[in-house]
N, C-alpha and C. Protein backbone atom coordinates (compact mmCIF):
# COMPACT_ATOMS: atom_id res chain seq x y z
N UNK A 1 -22.81 -14.18 -6.90
CA UNK A 1 -21.40 -14.23 -7.31
C UNK A 1 -20.51 -13.93 -6.11
N UNK A 2 -19.53 -14.80 -5.89
CA UNK A 2 -18.56 -14.57 -4.82
C UNK A 2 -17.25 -14.16 -5.45
N UNK A 3 -16.65 -13.12 -4.89
CA UNK A 3 -15.38 -12.65 -5.44
C UNK A 3 -14.51 -12.13 -4.29
N UNK A 4 -13.22 -12.37 -4.39
CA UNK A 4 -12.31 -11.92 -3.33
C UNK A 4 -11.84 -10.50 -3.63
N UNK A 5 -11.90 -9.65 -2.61
CA UNK A 5 -11.29 -8.33 -2.72
C UNK A 5 -9.96 -8.42 -1.97
N UNK A 6 -8.87 -8.37 -2.72
CA UNK A 6 -7.54 -8.61 -2.15
C UNK A 6 -7.03 -7.41 -1.36
N UNK A 7 -7.56 -7.25 -0.15
CA UNK A 7 -7.06 -6.19 0.73
C UNK A 7 -7.15 -6.64 2.18
N UNK A 8 -6.23 -6.13 2.99
CA UNK A 8 -6.30 -6.34 4.44
C UNK A 8 -6.76 -5.05 5.12
N UNK A 9 -7.01 -4.02 4.30
CA UNK A 9 -7.40 -2.73 4.83
C UNK A 9 -8.91 -2.72 5.09
N UNK A 10 -9.28 -2.75 6.38
CA UNK A 10 -10.70 -2.84 6.75
C UNK A 10 -11.49 -1.61 6.29
N UNK A 11 -10.84 -0.45 6.30
CA UNK A 11 -11.51 0.78 5.84
C UNK A 11 -11.86 0.68 4.36
N UNK A 12 -10.91 0.19 3.60
CA UNK A 12 -11.09 0.03 2.16
C UNK A 12 -12.21 -0.98 1.87
N UNK A 13 -12.20 -2.08 2.64
CA UNK A 13 -13.20 -3.13 2.47
C UNK A 13 -14.60 -2.57 2.73
N UNK A 14 -14.72 -1.78 3.79
CA UNK A 14 -16.00 -1.17 4.16
C UNK A 14 -16.47 -0.21 3.06
N UNK A 15 -15.53 0.58 2.56
CA UNK A 15 -15.84 1.56 1.51
C UNK A 15 -16.36 0.85 0.25
N UNK A 16 -15.68 -0.21 -0.14
CA UNK A 16 -16.06 -0.93 -1.37
C UNK A 16 -17.34 -1.73 -1.16
N UNK A 17 -17.49 -2.33 0.03
CA UNK A 17 -18.69 -3.10 0.33
C UNK A 17 -19.94 -2.25 0.19
N UNK A 18 -19.83 -0.97 0.56
CA UNK A 18 -20.98 -0.07 0.49
C UNK A 18 -21.34 0.27 -0.97
N UNK A 19 -20.45 -0.07 -1.91
CA UNK A 19 -20.69 0.26 -3.32
C UNK A 19 -21.21 -0.92 -4.16
N UNK A 20 -20.84 -2.15 -3.77
CA UNK A 20 -21.20 -3.27 -4.64
C UNK A 20 -22.64 -3.71 -4.43
N UNK A 21 -23.32 -4.13 -5.52
CA UNK A 21 -24.70 -4.59 -5.38
C UNK A 21 -24.78 -5.87 -4.53
N UNK A 22 -25.99 -6.12 -4.02
CA UNK A 22 -26.20 -7.23 -3.07
C UNK A 22 -25.85 -8.59 -3.66
N UNK A 23 -26.01 -8.78 -4.99
CA UNK A 23 -25.77 -10.12 -5.56
C UNK A 23 -24.28 -10.46 -5.67
N UNK A 24 -23.42 -9.46 -5.38
CA UNK A 24 -21.98 -9.73 -5.39
C UNK A 24 -21.50 -9.82 -3.94
N UNK A 25 -21.05 -11.00 -3.56
CA UNK A 25 -20.57 -11.18 -2.19
C UNK A 25 -19.05 -11.04 -2.16
N UNK A 26 -18.59 -10.06 -1.39
CA UNK A 26 -17.15 -9.83 -1.28
C UNK A 26 -16.55 -10.71 -0.19
N UNK A 27 -15.47 -11.39 -0.52
CA UNK A 27 -14.73 -12.15 0.47
C UNK A 27 -13.43 -11.41 0.77
N UNK A 28 -13.08 -11.33 2.04
CA UNK A 28 -11.82 -10.67 2.41
C UNK A 28 -10.68 -11.68 2.31
N UNK A 29 -9.46 -11.20 2.38
CA UNK A 29 -8.30 -12.10 2.38
C UNK A 29 -8.35 -13.02 3.59
N UNK A 30 -8.80 -12.47 4.71
CA UNK A 30 -8.93 -13.25 5.95
C UNK A 30 -9.88 -14.43 5.71
N UNK A 31 -10.97 -14.18 5.01
CA UNK A 31 -11.99 -15.21 4.76
C UNK A 31 -11.44 -16.39 3.94
N UNK A 32 -10.43 -16.13 3.11
CA UNK A 32 -9.88 -17.24 2.30
C UNK A 32 -8.57 -17.79 2.91
N UNK A 33 -8.25 -17.30 4.11
CA UNK A 33 -7.07 -17.81 4.80
C UNK A 33 -5.75 -17.24 4.33
N UNK A 34 -5.82 -16.09 3.68
CA UNK A 34 -4.58 -15.43 3.22
C UNK A 34 -4.15 -14.41 4.29
N UNK A 35 -3.06 -14.72 4.98
CA UNK A 35 -2.62 -13.83 6.06
C UNK A 35 -1.25 -13.21 5.77
N UNK A 36 -0.66 -13.59 4.64
CA UNK A 36 0.66 -13.02 4.33
C UNK A 36 0.51 -11.67 3.62
N UNK A 37 1.58 -10.91 3.62
CA UNK A 37 1.59 -9.64 2.88
C UNK A 37 1.77 -9.97 1.40
N UNK A 38 0.83 -9.49 0.59
CA UNK A 38 0.93 -9.73 -0.85
C UNK A 38 1.98 -8.78 -1.41
N UNK A 39 2.89 -9.28 -2.22
CA UNK A 39 3.95 -8.39 -2.75
C UNK A 39 3.39 -7.24 -3.58
N UNK A 40 3.99 -6.08 -3.40
CA UNK A 40 3.68 -4.89 -4.21
C UNK A 40 5.02 -4.32 -4.64
N UNK A 41 5.60 -4.89 -5.68
CA UNK A 41 6.97 -4.51 -6.04
C UNK A 41 7.06 -3.85 -7.41
N UNK A 42 5.91 -3.52 -7.98
CA UNK A 42 5.90 -2.94 -9.32
C UNK A 42 6.16 -1.43 -9.26
N UNK A 43 6.69 -0.85 -10.36
CA UNK A 43 6.99 0.59 -10.35
C UNK A 43 5.76 1.48 -10.63
N UNK A 44 4.60 0.86 -10.92
CA UNK A 44 3.40 1.67 -11.20
C UNK A 44 2.24 1.19 -10.34
N UNK A 45 1.25 2.08 -10.19
CA UNK A 45 0.03 1.76 -9.44
C UNK A 45 -0.71 0.62 -10.14
N UNK A 46 -0.82 0.69 -11.45
CA UNK A 46 -1.48 -0.35 -12.23
C UNK A 46 -0.76 -1.70 -12.07
N UNK A 47 0.56 -1.66 -12.13
CA UNK A 47 1.37 -2.87 -11.98
C UNK A 47 1.14 -3.56 -10.64
N UNK A 48 1.05 -2.76 -9.57
CA UNK A 48 0.81 -3.32 -8.24
C UNK A 48 -0.57 -3.97 -8.14
N UNK A 49 -1.58 -3.33 -8.70
CA UNK A 49 -2.95 -3.88 -8.66
C UNK A 49 -2.98 -5.22 -9.38
N UNK A 50 -2.35 -5.29 -10.55
CA UNK A 50 -2.30 -6.53 -11.33
C UNK A 50 -1.53 -7.61 -10.57
N UNK A 51 -0.40 -7.22 -9.98
CA UNK A 51 0.43 -8.17 -9.23
C UNK A 51 -0.37 -8.81 -8.09
N UNK A 52 -1.14 -7.98 -7.36
CA UNK A 52 -1.92 -8.49 -6.23
C UNK A 52 -3.02 -9.45 -6.69
N UNK A 53 -3.72 -9.08 -7.77
CA UNK A 53 -4.81 -9.93 -8.28
C UNK A 53 -4.24 -11.27 -8.77
N UNK A 54 -3.12 -11.21 -9.46
CA UNK A 54 -2.51 -12.45 -9.98
C UNK A 54 -2.00 -13.33 -8.85
N UNK A 55 -1.53 -12.72 -7.78
CA UNK A 55 -1.03 -13.47 -6.63
C UNK A 55 -2.15 -14.32 -6.02
N UNK A 56 -3.31 -13.70 -5.83
CA UNK A 56 -4.46 -14.42 -5.24
C UNK A 56 -4.93 -15.52 -6.17
N UNK A 57 -5.04 -15.22 -7.46
CA UNK A 57 -5.50 -16.22 -8.44
C UNK A 57 -4.52 -17.40 -8.48
N UNK A 58 -3.24 -17.11 -8.53
CA UNK A 58 -2.21 -18.15 -8.63
C UNK A 58 -2.11 -18.99 -7.36
N UNK A 59 -2.11 -18.33 -6.20
CA UNK A 59 -1.87 -19.03 -4.94
C UNK A 59 -3.12 -19.57 -4.25
N UNK A 60 -4.28 -18.97 -4.54
CA UNK A 60 -5.51 -19.38 -3.85
C UNK A 60 -6.60 -19.86 -4.81
N UNK A 61 -6.44 -19.56 -6.10
CA UNK A 61 -7.38 -20.05 -7.10
C UNK A 61 -8.71 -19.33 -7.19
N UNK A 62 -8.86 -18.23 -6.47
CA UNK A 62 -10.14 -17.51 -6.48
C UNK A 62 -10.17 -16.43 -7.57
N UNK A 63 -11.37 -16.20 -8.13
CA UNK A 63 -11.58 -14.99 -8.92
C UNK A 63 -11.48 -13.84 -7.92
N UNK A 64 -10.86 -12.76 -8.33
CA UNK A 64 -10.64 -11.70 -7.36
C UNK A 64 -10.40 -10.37 -8.06
N UNK A 65 -10.43 -9.32 -7.26
CA UNK A 65 -9.95 -8.03 -7.75
C UNK A 65 -9.09 -7.41 -6.66
N UNK A 66 -8.16 -6.59 -7.09
CA UNK A 66 -7.26 -5.90 -6.17
C UNK A 66 -7.15 -4.47 -6.64
N UNK A 67 -6.87 -3.58 -5.72
CA UNK A 67 -6.69 -2.20 -6.15
C UNK A 67 -5.37 -1.67 -5.60
N UNK A 68 -4.89 -0.66 -6.25
CA UNK A 68 -3.76 0.08 -5.69
C UNK A 68 -4.07 1.55 -5.92
N UNK A 69 -3.73 2.35 -4.95
CA UNK A 69 -4.05 3.77 -5.01
C UNK A 69 -2.80 4.57 -4.71
N UNK A 70 -2.67 5.68 -5.39
CA UNK A 70 -1.57 6.59 -5.09
C UNK A 70 -2.05 8.02 -5.13
N UNK A 71 -1.40 8.84 -4.35
CA UNK A 71 -1.64 10.28 -4.37
C UNK A 71 -0.50 10.89 -5.18
N UNK A 72 -0.86 11.60 -6.25
CA UNK A 72 0.15 12.18 -7.13
C UNK A 72 0.09 13.71 -7.03
N UNK A 73 1.18 14.29 -6.57
CA UNK A 73 1.23 15.74 -6.33
C UNK A 73 2.07 16.41 -7.42
N UNK A 74 1.46 17.39 -8.09
CA UNK A 74 2.12 18.07 -9.22
C UNK A 74 3.49 18.63 -8.86
N UNK A 75 3.53 19.39 -7.75
CA UNK A 75 4.77 20.08 -7.37
C UNK A 75 5.89 19.11 -6.99
N UNK A 76 5.54 17.84 -6.73
CA UNK A 76 6.53 16.83 -6.35
C UNK A 76 6.74 15.82 -7.48
N UNK A 77 6.45 16.25 -8.71
CA UNK A 77 6.61 15.37 -9.89
C UNK A 77 5.89 14.04 -9.75
N UNK A 78 4.68 14.09 -9.19
CA UNK A 78 3.88 12.87 -9.09
C UNK A 78 4.10 12.05 -7.83
N UNK A 79 5.01 12.51 -6.97
CA UNK A 79 5.19 11.81 -5.69
C UNK A 79 3.99 12.12 -4.78
N UNK A 80 3.73 11.30 -3.77
CA UNK A 80 4.35 10.03 -3.42
C UNK A 80 3.98 8.87 -4.35
N UNK A 81 2.89 9.02 -5.13
CA UNK A 81 2.56 8.03 -6.16
C UNK A 81 2.50 6.61 -5.63
N UNK A 82 3.28 5.74 -6.27
CA UNK A 82 3.26 4.31 -5.94
C UNK A 82 3.74 4.05 -4.50
N UNK A 83 4.43 5.03 -3.91
CA UNK A 83 4.93 4.88 -2.54
C UNK A 83 4.04 5.56 -1.50
N UNK A 84 2.82 5.91 -1.86
CA UNK A 84 1.94 6.68 -0.97
C UNK A 84 1.79 6.07 0.42
N UNK A 85 1.60 4.75 0.51
CA UNK A 85 1.36 4.11 1.82
C UNK A 85 2.60 4.14 2.71
N UNK A 86 3.79 4.15 2.08
CA UNK A 86 5.02 4.13 2.90
C UNK A 86 5.92 5.32 2.57
N UNK A 87 5.29 6.45 2.30
CA UNK A 87 6.01 7.67 1.93
C UNK A 87 7.01 8.09 3.00
N UNK A 88 6.59 7.98 4.27
CA UNK A 88 7.47 8.42 5.37
C UNK A 88 8.26 7.26 5.97
N UNK A 89 8.17 6.09 5.35
CA UNK A 89 8.92 4.94 5.86
C UNK A 89 8.09 3.67 5.89
N UNK A 90 8.74 2.55 6.15
CA UNK A 90 8.08 1.24 6.09
C UNK A 90 6.99 1.02 7.14
N UNK A 91 6.92 1.89 8.15
CA UNK A 91 5.90 1.72 9.19
C UNK A 91 4.49 2.01 8.68
N UNK A 92 4.38 2.60 7.47
CA UNK A 92 3.08 2.87 6.84
C UNK A 92 2.13 3.65 7.76
N UNK A 93 2.63 4.69 8.36
CA UNK A 93 1.81 5.47 9.29
C UNK A 93 1.24 6.70 8.58
N UNK A 94 -0.10 6.82 8.59
CA UNK A 94 -0.78 7.89 7.87
C UNK A 94 -0.38 9.28 8.38
N UNK A 95 -0.25 9.41 9.70
CA UNK A 95 0.14 10.71 10.28
C UNK A 95 1.53 11.13 9.78
N UNK A 96 2.48 10.19 9.83
CA UNK A 96 3.84 10.47 9.37
C UNK A 96 3.84 10.85 7.88
N UNK A 97 3.06 10.10 7.10
CA UNK A 97 2.98 10.37 5.66
C UNK A 97 2.44 11.77 5.38
N UNK A 98 1.36 12.14 6.09
CA UNK A 98 0.76 13.47 5.90
C UNK A 98 1.74 14.57 6.32
N UNK A 99 2.40 14.36 7.47
CA UNK A 99 3.34 15.37 7.96
C UNK A 99 4.48 15.58 6.97
N UNK A 100 4.99 14.48 6.41
CA UNK A 100 6.09 14.59 5.44
C UNK A 100 5.61 15.35 4.20
N UNK A 101 4.41 15.03 3.73
CA UNK A 101 3.87 15.68 2.53
C UNK A 101 3.64 17.17 2.77
N UNK A 102 3.06 17.50 3.91
CA UNK A 102 2.81 18.91 4.22
C UNK A 102 4.12 19.70 4.30
N UNK A 103 5.14 19.11 4.90
CA UNK A 103 6.42 19.85 4.98
C UNK A 103 7.09 19.91 3.60
N UNK A 104 6.92 18.90 2.76
CA UNK A 104 7.48 18.95 1.40
C UNK A 104 6.85 20.05 0.56
N UNK A 105 5.60 20.39 0.89
CA UNK A 105 4.86 21.38 0.09
C UNK A 105 4.87 22.77 0.73
N UNK A 106 5.64 22.94 1.79
CA UNK A 106 5.61 24.20 2.54
C UNK A 106 5.75 25.44 1.66
N UNK A 107 6.70 25.42 0.73
CA UNK A 107 6.91 26.61 -0.11
C UNK A 107 6.46 26.40 -1.56
N UNK A 108 5.62 25.40 -1.78
CA UNK A 108 5.21 25.09 -3.16
C UNK A 108 4.20 26.12 -3.68
N UNK A 109 4.40 26.53 -4.93
CA UNK A 109 3.48 27.49 -5.56
C UNK A 109 2.14 26.81 -5.87
N UNK A 110 2.21 25.54 -6.26
CA UNK A 110 0.99 24.81 -6.59
C UNK A 110 0.77 23.69 -5.59
N UNK A 111 -0.49 23.49 -5.21
CA UNK A 111 -0.83 22.39 -4.29
C UNK A 111 -1.73 21.38 -4.99
N UNK A 112 -1.76 21.48 -6.33
CA UNK A 112 -2.60 20.57 -7.12
C UNK A 112 -2.15 19.12 -6.95
N UNK A 113 -3.13 18.24 -6.87
CA UNK A 113 -2.83 16.82 -6.69
C UNK A 113 -3.99 15.99 -7.23
N UNK A 114 -3.74 14.70 -7.41
CA UNK A 114 -4.84 13.81 -7.76
C UNK A 114 -4.63 12.46 -7.10
N UNK A 115 -5.75 11.86 -6.73
CA UNK A 115 -5.74 10.49 -6.27
C UNK A 115 -6.02 9.62 -7.48
N UNK A 116 -5.29 8.52 -7.61
CA UNK A 116 -5.51 7.60 -8.72
C UNK A 116 -5.64 6.19 -8.16
N UNK A 117 -6.72 5.52 -8.53
CA UNK A 117 -6.92 4.12 -8.14
C UNK A 117 -7.01 3.28 -9.39
N UNK A 118 -6.30 2.17 -9.40
CA UNK A 118 -6.46 1.19 -10.47
C UNK A 118 -6.96 -0.11 -9.83
N UNK A 119 -8.04 -0.64 -10.38
CA UNK A 119 -8.58 -1.92 -9.94
C UNK A 119 -8.25 -2.95 -11.01
N UNK A 120 -7.65 -4.05 -10.59
CA UNK A 120 -7.36 -5.16 -11.51
C UNK A 120 -8.28 -6.31 -11.17
N UNK A 121 -9.03 -6.78 -12.15
CA UNK A 121 -9.99 -7.88 -11.95
C UNK A 121 -9.49 -9.13 -12.66
N UNK A 122 -9.38 -10.20 -11.90
CA UNK A 122 -9.01 -11.51 -12.45
C UNK A 122 -10.26 -12.37 -12.41
N UNK A 123 -10.91 -12.57 -13.56
CA UNK A 123 -12.19 -13.27 -13.59
C UNK A 123 -12.26 -14.18 -14.80
N UNK A 124 -12.61 -15.43 -14.57
CA UNK A 124 -12.76 -16.41 -15.67
C UNK A 124 -11.53 -16.45 -16.58
N UNK A 125 -10.35 -16.39 -15.95
CA UNK A 125 -9.12 -16.49 -16.73
C UNK A 125 -8.74 -15.24 -17.51
N UNK A 126 -9.47 -14.15 -17.30
CA UNK A 126 -9.16 -12.89 -18.00
C UNK A 126 -8.80 -11.81 -17.00
N UNK A 127 -7.97 -10.87 -17.45
CA UNK A 127 -7.57 -9.76 -16.59
C UNK A 127 -8.07 -8.45 -17.20
N UNK A 128 -8.78 -7.65 -16.41
CA UNK A 128 -9.24 -6.33 -16.86
C UNK A 128 -8.85 -5.31 -15.81
N UNK A 129 -8.60 -4.08 -16.25
CA UNK A 129 -8.29 -3.01 -15.28
C UNK A 129 -9.24 -1.83 -15.46
N UNK A 130 -9.47 -1.13 -14.37
CA UNK A 130 -10.36 0.04 -14.33
C UNK A 130 -9.66 1.13 -13.55
N UNK A 131 -9.69 2.35 -14.07
CA UNK A 131 -8.96 3.46 -13.43
C UNK A 131 -9.90 4.58 -13.02
N UNK A 132 -9.74 5.04 -11.79
CA UNK A 132 -10.51 6.18 -11.29
C UNK A 132 -9.56 7.27 -10.84
N UNK A 133 -9.86 8.51 -11.25
CA UNK A 133 -9.01 9.65 -10.87
C UNK A 133 -9.88 10.72 -10.22
N UNK A 134 -9.37 11.29 -9.14
CA UNK A 134 -10.05 12.41 -8.48
C UNK A 134 -9.05 13.54 -8.33
N UNK A 135 -9.31 14.65 -9.03
CA UNK A 135 -8.41 15.80 -8.97
C UNK A 135 -8.79 16.71 -7.80
N UNK A 136 -7.78 17.37 -7.27
CA UNK A 136 -8.04 18.27 -6.15
C UNK A 136 -6.78 18.99 -5.74
N UNK A 137 -6.69 19.27 -4.45
CA UNK A 137 -5.48 19.94 -3.95
C UNK A 137 -5.20 19.51 -2.51
N UNK A 138 -3.95 19.75 -2.13
CA UNK A 138 -3.52 19.43 -0.76
C UNK A 138 -3.70 20.69 0.09
N UNK A 139 -4.36 20.52 1.23
CA UNK A 139 -4.59 21.66 2.13
C UNK A 139 -3.28 21.98 2.87
N UNK A 140 -3.28 23.07 3.63
CA UNK A 140 -2.05 23.45 4.34
C UNK A 140 -1.98 22.78 5.72
N UNK A 141 -3.12 22.29 6.20
CA UNK A 141 -3.11 21.50 7.44
C UNK A 141 -4.24 20.47 7.41
N UNK A 142 -4.28 19.63 8.45
CA UNK A 142 -5.26 18.53 8.48
C UNK A 142 -6.62 19.02 8.97
N UNK A 143 -7.67 18.51 8.32
CA UNK A 143 -9.05 18.83 8.71
C UNK A 143 -9.88 17.55 8.70
N UNK A 144 -10.68 17.36 9.75
CA UNK A 144 -11.63 16.25 9.79
C UNK A 144 -11.06 14.97 10.37
N UNK A 145 -11.97 14.09 10.77
CA UNK A 145 -11.53 12.84 11.40
C UNK A 145 -12.16 11.61 10.78
N UNK A 146 -12.81 11.78 9.62
CA UNK A 146 -13.37 10.62 8.92
C UNK A 146 -12.32 10.11 7.93
N UNK A 147 -12.67 9.01 7.25
CA UNK A 147 -11.78 8.53 6.20
C UNK A 147 -10.50 7.94 6.75
N UNK A 148 -9.49 7.84 5.88
CA UNK A 148 -8.21 7.25 6.27
C UNK A 148 -7.14 7.74 5.30
N UNK A 149 -5.89 7.36 5.58
CA UNK A 149 -4.80 7.75 4.69
C UNK A 149 -4.63 9.27 4.64
N UNK A 150 -4.58 9.79 3.42
CA UNK A 150 -4.35 11.24 3.22
C UNK A 150 -5.64 12.06 3.23
N UNK A 151 -6.77 11.43 3.56
CA UNK A 151 -8.07 12.12 3.49
C UNK A 151 -8.11 13.48 4.21
N UNK A 152 -7.48 13.63 5.39
CA UNK A 152 -7.56 14.92 6.09
C UNK A 152 -6.84 16.08 5.40
N UNK A 153 -6.01 15.79 4.39
CA UNK A 153 -5.31 16.91 3.72
C UNK A 153 -5.64 17.00 2.23
N UNK A 154 -6.65 16.23 1.78
CA UNK A 154 -7.02 16.27 0.35
C UNK A 154 -8.42 16.83 0.18
N UNK A 155 -8.51 17.87 -0.65
CA UNK A 155 -9.79 18.51 -0.94
C UNK A 155 -10.08 18.31 -2.43
N UNK A 156 -11.16 17.59 -2.75
CA UNK A 156 -11.51 17.33 -4.15
C UNK A 156 -12.00 18.61 -4.83
N UNK A 157 -11.81 18.70 -6.14
CA UNK A 157 -12.29 19.86 -6.91
C UNK A 157 -13.77 20.08 -6.66
N UNK A 158 -14.14 21.34 -6.41
CA UNK A 158 -15.55 21.67 -6.18
C UNK A 158 -15.99 21.50 -4.74
N UNK A 159 -15.08 21.08 -3.87
CA UNK A 159 -15.42 20.88 -2.45
C UNK A 159 -14.68 21.89 -1.59
N UNK A 160 -15.35 22.33 -0.53
CA UNK A 160 -14.73 23.23 0.44
C UNK A 160 -14.11 22.43 1.58
N UNK A 161 -14.50 21.17 1.67
CA UNK A 161 -14.04 20.34 2.78
C UNK A 161 -13.14 19.21 2.28
N UNK A 162 -12.33 18.68 3.20
CA UNK A 162 -11.45 17.56 2.84
C UNK A 162 -12.26 16.26 2.81
N UNK A 163 -11.62 15.21 2.30
CA UNK A 163 -12.24 13.89 2.30
C UNK A 163 -12.54 13.41 3.72
N UNK A 164 -11.80 13.91 4.70
CA UNK A 164 -12.00 13.48 6.09
C UNK A 164 -13.15 14.24 6.76
N UNK A 165 -13.72 15.21 6.05
CA UNK A 165 -14.83 15.99 6.62
C UNK A 165 -16.18 15.64 5.98
N UNK A 166 -16.15 14.93 4.85
CA UNK A 166 -17.40 14.61 4.16
C UNK A 166 -17.82 13.17 4.46
N UNK A 167 -19.06 12.83 4.12
CA UNK A 167 -19.55 11.47 4.40
C UNK A 167 -18.95 10.48 3.42
N UNK A 168 -19.02 9.21 3.80
CA UNK A 168 -18.53 8.13 2.93
C UNK A 168 -19.30 8.14 1.61
N UNK A 169 -20.62 8.43 1.68
CA UNK A 169 -21.45 8.47 0.47
C UNK A 169 -20.95 9.56 -0.49
N UNK A 170 -20.67 10.75 0.06
CA UNK A 170 -20.17 11.86 -0.77
C UNK A 170 -18.81 11.51 -1.37
N UNK A 171 -17.95 10.92 -0.54
CA UNK A 171 -16.62 10.54 -1.00
C UNK A 171 -16.70 9.51 -2.12
N UNK A 172 -17.58 8.52 -1.96
CA UNK A 172 -17.71 7.48 -2.97
C UNK A 172 -18.20 8.03 -4.31
N UNK A 173 -19.01 9.09 -4.27
CA UNK A 173 -19.53 9.68 -5.52
C UNK A 173 -18.44 10.34 -6.34
N UNK A 174 -17.55 11.05 -5.67
CA UNK A 174 -16.53 11.82 -6.41
C UNK A 174 -15.13 11.21 -6.34
N UNK A 175 -14.94 10.28 -5.42
CA UNK A 175 -13.60 9.76 -5.14
C UNK A 175 -13.07 8.81 -6.20
N UNK A 176 -11.77 8.71 -6.21
CA UNK A 176 -11.02 7.87 -7.14
C UNK A 176 -11.42 6.40 -7.04
N UNK A 177 -11.49 5.87 -5.80
CA UNK A 177 -11.82 4.46 -5.63
C UNK A 177 -13.25 4.21 -6.06
N UNK A 178 -14.14 5.12 -5.67
CA UNK A 178 -15.55 5.01 -6.07
C UNK A 178 -15.71 4.94 -7.58
N UNK A 179 -14.96 5.79 -8.29
CA UNK A 179 -15.04 5.82 -9.76
C UNK A 179 -14.55 4.51 -10.37
N UNK A 180 -13.42 4.01 -9.87
CA UNK A 180 -12.87 2.76 -10.41
C UNK A 180 -13.79 1.59 -10.10
N UNK A 181 -14.34 1.57 -8.87
CA UNK A 181 -15.24 0.47 -8.47
C UNK A 181 -16.54 0.52 -9.26
N UNK A 182 -17.04 1.75 -9.56
CA UNK A 182 -18.26 1.86 -10.38
C UNK A 182 -18.06 1.20 -11.73
N UNK A 183 -16.88 1.44 -12.33
CA UNK A 183 -16.57 0.81 -13.63
C UNK A 183 -16.53 -0.71 -13.49
N UNK A 184 -15.95 -1.18 -12.40
CA UNK A 184 -15.88 -2.61 -12.12
C UNK A 184 -17.29 -3.19 -11.99
N UNK A 185 -18.16 -2.51 -11.24
CA UNK A 185 -19.52 -2.99 -11.02
C UNK A 185 -20.31 -3.04 -12.32
N UNK A 186 -20.17 -1.98 -13.13
CA UNK A 186 -20.84 -1.95 -14.44
C UNK A 186 -20.40 -3.14 -15.28
N UNK A 187 -19.10 -3.40 -15.26
CA UNK A 187 -18.53 -4.53 -16.01
C UNK A 187 -19.12 -5.85 -15.50
N UNK A 188 -19.17 -6.04 -14.18
CA UNK A 188 -19.70 -7.28 -13.60
C UNK A 188 -21.20 -7.43 -13.87
N UNK A 189 -21.93 -6.31 -13.80
CA UNK A 189 -23.37 -6.34 -14.09
C UNK A 189 -23.64 -6.73 -15.54
N UNK A 190 -22.83 -6.20 -16.46
CA UNK A 190 -22.98 -6.54 -17.87
C UNK A 190 -22.72 -8.02 -18.09
N UNK A 191 -21.71 -8.56 -17.39
CA UNK A 191 -21.42 -10.00 -17.48
C UNK A 191 -22.61 -10.80 -17.00
N UNK A 192 -23.20 -10.32 -15.90
CA UNK A 192 -24.34 -10.99 -15.30
C UNK A 192 -25.52 -11.08 -16.28
N UNK A 193 -25.72 -9.98 -17.06
CA UNK A 193 -26.83 -9.95 -18.02
C UNK A 193 -26.55 -10.84 -19.23
N UNK A 194 -25.27 -10.98 -19.57
CA UNK A 194 -24.92 -11.81 -20.72
C UNK A 194 -25.10 -13.28 -20.42
N UNK A 195 -24.92 -13.66 -19.12
CA UNK A 195 -25.01 -15.09 -18.76
C UNK A 195 -26.44 -15.55 -18.57
């Protein structure tokens, strides 16, 4: 089975590739000749994931899935949420985003947060969504050099280390994207058995 994963984020592609079974071949946007920025103009994480999947299906005709992820911080009423990638501005710089978040939480009583990923699958003319949530907290400074995005300041529940300090395998087991992708894989495997 060939399916497009609608992302230009090489880190994300690598993370997801390590999760999907061998019989599912992931195609990148580059592989299908999509070089434009796919619009993400919806007010919710789920809305953005659906918008991206529909864009690829409509404009390129491929079965595909897209994801959108947000970091939701309790003390900031769920911010940065849908704006996580461009929290500190349109330059989408992870360092700037983390610095802004850390300074926003300087005097916060609670540092509770959760990562939320929604995967939207456009397959055989049907749309399905899968949601993965990872609860945790924001650290007071950055730790580790693995991962990407907010990983150096996010510590999942039950962990002493941030996402940037643990292995990709550990992150995939407990992480938001890993959980959403597992649901997607189970769904695709079940389809495979039915056919």
